[in-house]
Amino acid sequence: MHRLGLAFLLTCVSALAGEYAVLATGARLHVDRHQAEGSRVLLYNAGGSIEMDSAQITRFESDGLRPPSAVPAATPSPAAHAAVSPGQLADAAADKYQLPRRLVRSVMAAESGFQPQAVSSKGAIGLMQLMPATAQELGADPHDPAQNVDAGTRYLRALLERYHGWLYPALAAYNAGTGAVEKYNGVPPYPETVHYVKRITRDFQKAN
C-alpha cells in the first residue's frame, strides 16, 4: 500500500518562501513576490506569473519570511470569482492545509474535471463534489467555488490524519465514506472507488 506520511506532506510546503495574495473571494494564493503596475498586479512564482486586477486582491500577507504589503480593499464580486481559476483555488487550499498542490489538483480533476458547476447524480456539488450534509458539517456553501475547495481540502487533510498519512484509505473514504473503509479495513472492493483511488494516485505520482 502506498503511504504518504504527514511529515512528507508538511515538507512539501514548509520549504516554500514568499507571500500570500488574499483574494476578494477569500482564497489565498502563495506567490514568490508581486509587482503592482497601475490597476494590475503581477504575481510571480516558480511556474511563471499571473496578471490580475488589483481590485481582485484585498491584501498581501507575509508567510513569515517577508513583510506584508497592503493592497486597497475590494468588495467581492462575481467577476472576482470568475477570474480565479479552479487550479488557483486548489493551490491556495493546498498551501493553507499543508498538502501537496498536485494532490489537491488530482482530487479535483477526478471529482469534477475542474468544473465549478458540476453536480453528480447523487447530489454532490462543485469542484470537490461535496455532499450537502458534508458541506453543512464543514460550515461551507458548496455552491461557492472558494468555499467548496477550501472545505473539500480541509476534509481531505482530516482523512489523511485519521488514517495516519495513508493515502489509499483517505482517498477511498473521500469517495465512499469512512464507514465503507472501516468495514473492509481498507479500500472497499467497489469498482468506482478502486478506479478512483488508482486514478488519483497515478496522476499525483506523475509529478513526484
Protein backbone atom coordinates (compact mmCIF):
# COMPACT_ATOMS: atom_id res chain seq x y z
CA MET A 1 0.00 0.00 0.00
CA HIS A 2 1.30 3.45 -0.90
CA ARG A 3 1.99 5.57 2.14
CA LEU A 4 2.33 9.32 2.32
CA GLY A 5 3.46 10.22 5.82
CA LEU A 6 2.18 13.54 7.14
CA ALA A 7 5.78 14.59 7.74
CA PHE A 8 6.31 14.27 3.98
CA LEU A 9 3.14 16.24 3.24
CA LEU A 10 4.24 19.04 5.54
CA THR A 11 7.70 19.10 3.97
CA CYS A 12 6.17 19.71 0.56
CA VAL A 13 5.10 23.19 1.61
CA SER A 14 7.37 24.08 4.53
CA ALA A 15 10.21 24.93 2.18
CA LEU A 16 8.16 27.49 0.26
CA ALA A 17 9.11 31.14 0.64
CA GLY A 18 7.30 34.29 -0.38
CA GLU A 19 3.90 35.70 0.50
CA TYR A 20 0.17 35.10 0.21
CA ALA A 21 -2.14 37.13 -2.00
CA VAL A 22 -5.53 37.22 -0.27
CA LEU A 23 -8.23 37.42 -2.93
CA ALA A 24 -11.60 39.13 -2.70
CA THR A 25 -13.16 35.66 -2.81
CA GLY A 26 -11.38 34.67 0.41
CA ALA A 27 -8.90 32.35 -1.33
CA ARG A 28 -5.18 32.72 -0.63
CA LEU A 29 -2.55 32.22 -3.33
CA HIS A 30 1.07 31.55 -2.40
CA VAL A 31 3.50 33.51 -4.61
CA ASP A 32 7.18 34.34 -4.56
CA ARG A 33 6.58 38.07 -4.98
CA HIS A 34 4.28 40.61 -6.60
CA GLN A 35 4.63 43.77 -8.66
CA ALA A 36 1.97 46.47 -8.99
CA GLU A 37 1.56 48.12 -12.39
CA GLY A 38 -1.22 50.68 -12.30
CA SER A 39 -4.52 48.88 -11.82
CA ARG A 40 -2.89 45.48 -12.44
CA VAL A 41 -0.79 43.26 -10.21
CA LEU A 42 1.67 40.64 -11.42
CA LEU A 43 2.03 37.59 -9.16
CA TYR A 44 5.27 35.67 -9.66
CA ASN A 45 6.08 32.08 -8.75
CA ALA A 46 8.36 29.32 -9.99
CA GLY A 47 5.87 28.37 -12.71
CA GLY A 48 5.71 31.87 -14.21
CA SER A 49 3.40 34.81 -13.49
CA ILE A 50 -0.30 35.61 -13.17
CA GLU A 51 -1.72 39.03 -14.01
CA MET A 52 -4.76 40.14 -12.01
CA ASP A 53 -6.74 43.33 -11.48
CA SER A 54 -5.72 44.90 -8.17
CA ALA A 55 -9.40 45.04 -7.17
CA GLN A 56 -9.39 41.26 -7.03
CA ILE A 57 -6.77 41.26 -4.25
CA THR A 58 -7.59 42.61 -0.80
CA ARG A 59 -4.09 42.39 0.69
CA PHE A 60 -0.80 40.52 0.84
CA GLU A 61 0.23 38.54 3.91
CA SER A 62 3.74 37.50 4.83
CA ASP A 63 4.48 33.79 5.10
CA GLY A 64 6.93 34.68 7.88
CA LEU A 65 9.89 35.37 5.64
CA ARG A 66 8.85 38.67 4.05
CA PRO A 67 6.95 41.72 5.35
CA PRO A 68 3.35 42.04 4.10
CA SER A 69 2.26 44.88 1.83
CA ALA A 70 -1.24 46.23 1.55
CA VAL A 71 -3.50 46.48 -1.48
CA PRO A 72 -6.65 48.62 -1.37
CA ALA A 73 -9.62 46.56 -0.16
CA ALA A 74 -12.20 45.49 -2.71
CA THR A 75 -15.75 44.27 -2.48
CA PRO A 76 -16.19 40.64 -3.62
CA SER A 77 -17.99 40.36 -6.94
CA PRO A 78 -18.99 37.67 -9.43
CA ALA A 79 -16.22 38.92 -11.71
CA ALA A 80 -13.66 38.31 -8.97
CA HIS A 81 -14.83 34.71 -8.61
CA ALA A 82 -14.70 34.16 -12.36
CA ALA A 83 -11.11 35.43 -12.63
CA VAL A 84 -9.73 32.87 -10.18
CA SER A 85 -9.22 29.52 -11.86
CA PRO A 86 -10.05 26.17 -10.21
CA GLY A 87 -6.35 25.35 -10.26
CA GLN A 88 -5.54 28.53 -8.35
CA LEU A 89 -8.19 27.71 -5.77
CA ALA A 90 -6.73 24.21 -5.42
CA ASP A 91 -3.21 25.55 -4.91
CA ALA A 92 -4.37 28.11 -2.34
CA ALA A 93 -6.24 25.47 -0.33
CA ALA A 94 -3.33 23.02 -0.58
CA ASP A 95 -0.98 25.64 0.84
CA LYS A 96 -3.42 26.55 3.60
CA TYR A 97 -3.85 22.94 4.77
CA GLN A 98 -0.24 21.92 4.05
CA LEU A 99 -0.92 19.34 1.37
CA PRO A 100 0.91 18.89 -1.95
CA ARG A 101 -0.67 21.09 -4.59
CA ARG A 102 -0.60 18.25 -7.12
CA LEU A 103 -2.58 16.01 -4.78
CA VAL A 104 -5.41 18.52 -4.35
CA ARG A 105 -5.48 19.18 -8.10
CA SER A 106 -5.60 15.43 -8.77
CA VAL A 107 -8.57 15.01 -6.44
CA MET A 108 -10.33 17.96 -8.05
CA ALA A 109 -9.73 16.53 -11.53
CA ALA A 110 -11.19 13.17 -10.52
CA GLU A 111 -14.14 14.70 -8.69
CA SER A 112 -15.35 17.36 -11.11
CA GLY A 113 -12.95 17.73 -14.03
CA PHE A 114 -12.33 21.29 -12.76
CA GLN A 115 -15.98 22.26 -13.41
CA PRO A 116 -17.34 24.56 -10.65
CA GLN A 117 -20.98 23.85 -11.58
CA ALA A 118 -20.64 20.05 -11.57
CA VAL A 119 -23.42 18.17 -9.75
CA SER A 120 -23.36 14.38 -9.53
CA SER A 121 -26.33 12.05 -9.80
CA LYS A 122 -26.04 11.54 -6.03
CA GLY A 123 -26.22 15.27 -5.36
CA ALA A 124 -22.53 16.03 -4.77
CA ILE A 125 -21.77 19.65 -5.62
CA GLY A 126 -18.96 21.68 -7.13
CA LEU A 127 -15.25 21.36 -7.71
CA MET A 128 -14.59 18.99 -4.80
CA GLN A 129 -18.03 17.32 -5.08
CA LEU A 130 -19.25 17.95 -1.55
CA MET A 131 -22.47 16.33 -0.43
CA PRO A 132 -24.82 18.94 1.09
CA ALA A 133 -24.65 17.30 4.53
CA THR A 134 -20.85 17.22 4.45
CA ALA A 135 -20.69 20.86 3.36
CA GLN A 136 -23.02 21.80 6.21
CA GLU A 137 -20.83 19.97 8.72
CA LEU A 138 -17.81 21.83 7.38
CA GLY A 139 -19.61 25.16 7.52
CA ALA A 140 -19.28 25.81 3.78
CA ASP A 141 -21.55 26.88 0.94
CA PRO A 142 -20.88 24.12 -1.63
CA HIS A 143 -22.09 26.37 -4.46
CA ASP A 144 -19.32 28.91 -3.76
CA PRO A 145 -16.17 27.65 -5.54
CA ALA A 146 -13.72 29.07 -2.99
CA GLN A 147 -15.64 27.67 -0.02
CA ASN A 148 -16.17 24.36 -1.79
CA VAL A 149 -12.46 23.87 -2.48
CA ASP A 150 -11.42 25.06 0.97
CA ALA A 151 -13.84 22.69 2.71
CA GLY A 152 -13.01 19.74 0.45
CA THR A 153 -9.29 20.17 1.04
CA ARG A 154 -9.82 20.54 4.78
CA TYR A 155 -11.82 17.30 4.74
CA LEU A 156 -9.08 15.53 2.76
CA ARG A 157 -6.49 16.69 5.29
CA ALA A 158 -8.67 15.39 8.13
CA LEU A 159 -8.98 12.00 6.42
CA LEU A 160 -5.20 11.77 5.98
CA GLU A 161 -4.78 12.47 9.68
CA ARG A 162 -7.47 9.91 10.54
CA TYR A 163 -5.63 7.21 8.59
CA HIS A 164 -2.18 8.23 9.85
CA GLY A 165 -0.98 9.55 6.49
CA TRP A 166 -2.03 6.53 4.41
CA LEU A 167 -3.18 7.89 1.07
CA TYR A 168 -5.23 4.95 -0.22
CA PRO A 169 -7.77 4.74 2.63
CA ALA A 170 -8.01 8.54 2.81
CA LEU A 171 -8.93 8.75 -0.87
CA ALA A 172 -11.28 5.78 -0.57
CA ALA A 173 -13.03 7.46 2.35
CA TYR A 174 -13.37 10.70 0.39
CA ASN A 175 -15.10 8.72 -2.36
CA ALA A 176 -17.08 6.05 -0.49
CA GLY A 177 -17.18 7.27 3.11
CA THR A 178 -15.30 6.30 6.25
CA GLY A 179 -17.87 3.60 7.07
CA ALA A 180 -17.02 1.64 3.91
CA VAL A 181 -13.28 1.91 4.55
CA GLU A 182 -13.62 0.67 8.10
CA LYS A 183 -16.00 -2.11 7.07
CA TYR A 184 -13.38 -3.54 4.69
CA ASN A 185 -10.36 -2.40 6.72
CA GLY A 186 -9.02 -0.56 3.69
CA VAL A 187 -10.14 0.35 0.17
CA PRO A 188 -13.59 -1.20 -0.32
CA PRO A 189 -13.99 -3.51 -3.35
CA TYR A 190 -16.27 -1.11 -5.19
CA PRO A 191 -15.17 -0.73 -8.85
CA GLU A 192 -15.83 3.01 -8.77
CA THR A 193 -13.75 3.51 -5.62
CA VAL A 194 -10.90 1.26 -6.75
CA HIS A 195 -10.69 3.14 -10.06
CA TYR A 196 -10.91 6.49 -8.24
CA VAL A 197 -8.01 5.68 -5.92
CA LYS A 198 -5.85 4.36 -8.77
CA ARG A 199 -6.59 7.36 -10.98
CA ILE A 200 -5.65 9.92 -8.34
CA THR A 201 -2.50 8.18 -7.13
CA ARG A 202 -1.33 7.66 -10.71
CA ASP A 203 -1.93 11.33 -11.55
CA PHE A 204 -0.31 12.53 -8.31
CA GLN A 205 2.77 10.34 -8.74
CA LYS A 206 3.43 11.71 -12.23
CA ALA A 207 4.64 14.92 -10.62
CA ASN A 208 6.75 13.22 -7.92
